[in-house]
Amino acid sequence: MSMNFAERTVEFILNVWVGSMEDAPGEREQYRKARLQLLGVEYCAVDPPDPRYPYREPRPITVDVAEPDEEMANTLAHSPSGFAGRFFVNDWNAFIHFAATDARLDWLGPTSKREGAG
């Protein structure tokens, strides 16, 4: 994750799950590398990691898309033409909250199997 305050952008480099639960068990874990850019960022807040989790280990994290926190989305000003959301960081037991006016997803590579999956 990187943020450009002057341009009001946040960028995430992700391995997006593109598999399907209908696929055979060994084929479900298909991923594709992507860049997600949030444009016109109104806010981006990272919750502190839960101290009971091994968040200090230098390794990639796993996130899941979650509905926005209603209290945060309603309390903090954001454009009515935009959107709010958040990622749940499994490895931290915490969230990354955001609101922006637009987003762009660019694929950076081919579909591949995640190491250790299947």
Protein backbone atom coordinates (compact mmCIF):
# COMPACT_ATOMS: atom_id res chain seq x y z
CA MET A 1 0.00 0.00 0.00
CA SER A 2 1.24 3.48 -0.81
CA MET A 3 -0.45 6.85 -0.50
CA ASN A 4 0.19 10.11 -2.35
CA PHE A 5 -1.28 12.85 -0.17
CA ALA A 6 -0.82 15.64 -2.74
CA GLU A 7 -2.63 13.70 -5.48
CA ARG A 8 -5.13 12.09 -3.05
CA THR A 9 -4.44 8.56 -4.30
CA VAL A 10 -3.88 5.22 -2.59
CA GLU A 11 -2.41 2.25 -4.42
CA PHE A 12 -2.59 -1.41 -3.42
CA ILE A 13 -0.67 -4.21 -5.16
CA LEU A 14 -2.80 -7.32 -4.72
CA ASN A 15 -2.97 -10.96 -5.69
CA VAL A 16 -6.69 -11.17 -6.49
CA TRP A 17 -8.48 -14.50 -6.16
CA VAL A 18 -9.98 -15.23 -9.59
CA GLY A 19 -10.75 -18.91 -8.97
CA SER A 20 -14.20 -20.35 -8.53
CA MET A 21 -15.70 -22.57 -5.86
CA GLU A 22 -17.15 -24.62 -8.76
CA ASP A 23 -13.61 -25.56 -9.86
CA ALA A 24 -12.01 -28.81 -8.77
CA PRO A 25 -10.34 -28.48 -5.32
CA GLY A 26 -6.83 -28.35 -6.80
CA GLU A 27 -7.85 -25.61 -9.27
CA ARG A 28 -9.81 -23.22 -7.01
CA GLU A 29 -6.82 -21.24 -5.77
CA GLN A 30 -6.18 -19.18 -8.90
CA TYR A 31 -4.84 -15.65 -8.44
CA ARG A 32 -3.90 -12.72 -10.63
CA LYS A 33 -1.64 -9.82 -9.68
CA ALA A 34 -3.31 -6.40 -9.90
CA ARG A 35 -2.89 -2.74 -9.01
CA LEU A 36 -5.90 -1.15 -7.32
CA GLN A 37 -5.80 2.64 -7.35
CA LEU A 38 -8.20 4.70 -5.27
CA LEU A 39 -8.61 8.17 -6.76
CA GLY A 40 -9.93 11.31 -5.07
CA VAL A 41 -9.28 9.77 -1.67
CA GLU A 42 -11.34 11.33 1.10
CA TYR A 43 -9.82 9.20 3.87
CA CYS A 44 -7.66 6.15 4.38
CA ALA A 45 -7.30 4.87 7.95
CA VAL A 46 -5.37 1.80 9.06
CA ASP A 47 -6.42 0.21 12.34
CA PRO A 48 -3.57 -0.82 14.64
CA PRO A 49 -2.84 -4.56 14.54
CA ASP A 50 -4.18 -6.76 17.32
CA PRO A 51 -1.15 -7.36 19.60
CA ARG A 52 -2.16 -11.03 19.95
CA TYR A 53 -1.43 -11.56 16.22
CA PRO A 54 2.07 -12.00 14.71
CA TYR A 55 1.90 -8.72 12.78
CA ARG A 56 5.63 -8.00 13.14
CA GLU A 57 6.59 -10.91 10.87
CA PRO A 58 7.84 -9.50 7.51
CA ARG A 59 5.53 -11.32 5.09
CA PRO A 60 2.66 -10.56 2.73
CA ILE A 61 -0.73 -10.05 4.35
CA THR A 62 -4.11 -11.48 3.40
CA VAL A 63 -7.06 -9.10 3.05
CA ASP A 64 -10.76 -9.59 2.36
CA VAL A 65 -13.18 -6.96 1.09
CA ALA A 66 -15.68 -5.84 3.73
CA GLU A 67 -18.61 -3.45 3.89
CA PRO A 68 -17.65 0.02 5.12
CA ASP A 69 -17.88 0.79 8.81
CA GLU A 70 -21.15 2.76 8.88
CA GLU A 71 -20.17 4.96 11.82
CA MET A 72 -16.86 5.94 10.19
CA ALA A 73 -18.44 6.45 6.76
CA ASN A 74 -21.21 8.62 8.23
CA THR A 75 -18.96 10.59 10.59
CA LEU A 76 -16.18 11.46 8.16
CA ALA A 77 -17.03 13.70 5.24
CA HIS A 78 -16.85 12.12 1.83
CA SER A 79 -18.18 12.93 -1.60
CA PRO A 80 -21.77 11.83 -2.20
CA SER A 81 -20.68 10.65 -5.67
CA GLY A 82 -17.96 8.44 -4.20
CA PHE A 83 -17.85 5.24 -2.21
CA ALA A 84 -16.53 3.91 1.07
CA GLY A 85 -15.19 0.47 1.89
CA ARG A 86 -12.65 -1.42 3.91
CA PHE A 87 -10.34 -4.40 3.80
CA PHE A 88 -10.14 -6.84 6.69
CA VAL A 89 -6.50 -7.72 7.32
CA ASN A 90 -6.61 -11.34 8.47
CA ASP A 91 -3.01 -11.29 9.69
CA TRP A 92 -3.65 -8.29 11.97
CA ASN A 93 -7.30 -8.81 12.97
CA ALA A 94 -7.79 -5.19 11.89
CA PHE A 95 -9.20 -3.09 9.05
CA ILE A 96 -8.00 -0.62 6.41
CA HIS A 97 -10.85 1.90 5.89
CA PHE A 98 -11.17 4.15 2.84
CA ALA A 99 -13.44 6.47 0.89
CA ALA A 100 -12.75 7.81 -2.60
CA THR A 101 -14.49 9.24 -5.62
CA ASP A 102 -13.20 6.64 -8.11
CA ALA A 103 -11.09 3.49 -8.45
CA ARG A 104 -9.12 1.75 -11.17
CA LEU A 105 -7.96 -1.88 -11.36
CA ASP A 106 -5.13 -2.85 -13.70
CA TRP A 107 -4.06 -6.47 -14.17
CA LEU A 108 -0.28 -6.86 -13.85
CA GLY A 109 0.22 -10.48 -14.76
CA PRO A 110 -1.30 -13.77 -15.85
CA THR A 111 -3.42 -16.04 -13.67
CA SER A 112 -1.35 -18.36 -11.49
CA LYS A 113 -1.74 -20.85 -8.69
CA ARG A 114 -0.85 -19.59 -5.24
CA GLU A 115 2.13 -21.43 -3.80
CA GLY A 116 1.10 -24.12 -1.36
CA ALA A 117 -2.51 -24.18 -2.59
CA GLY A 118 -4.26 -27.23 -3.94
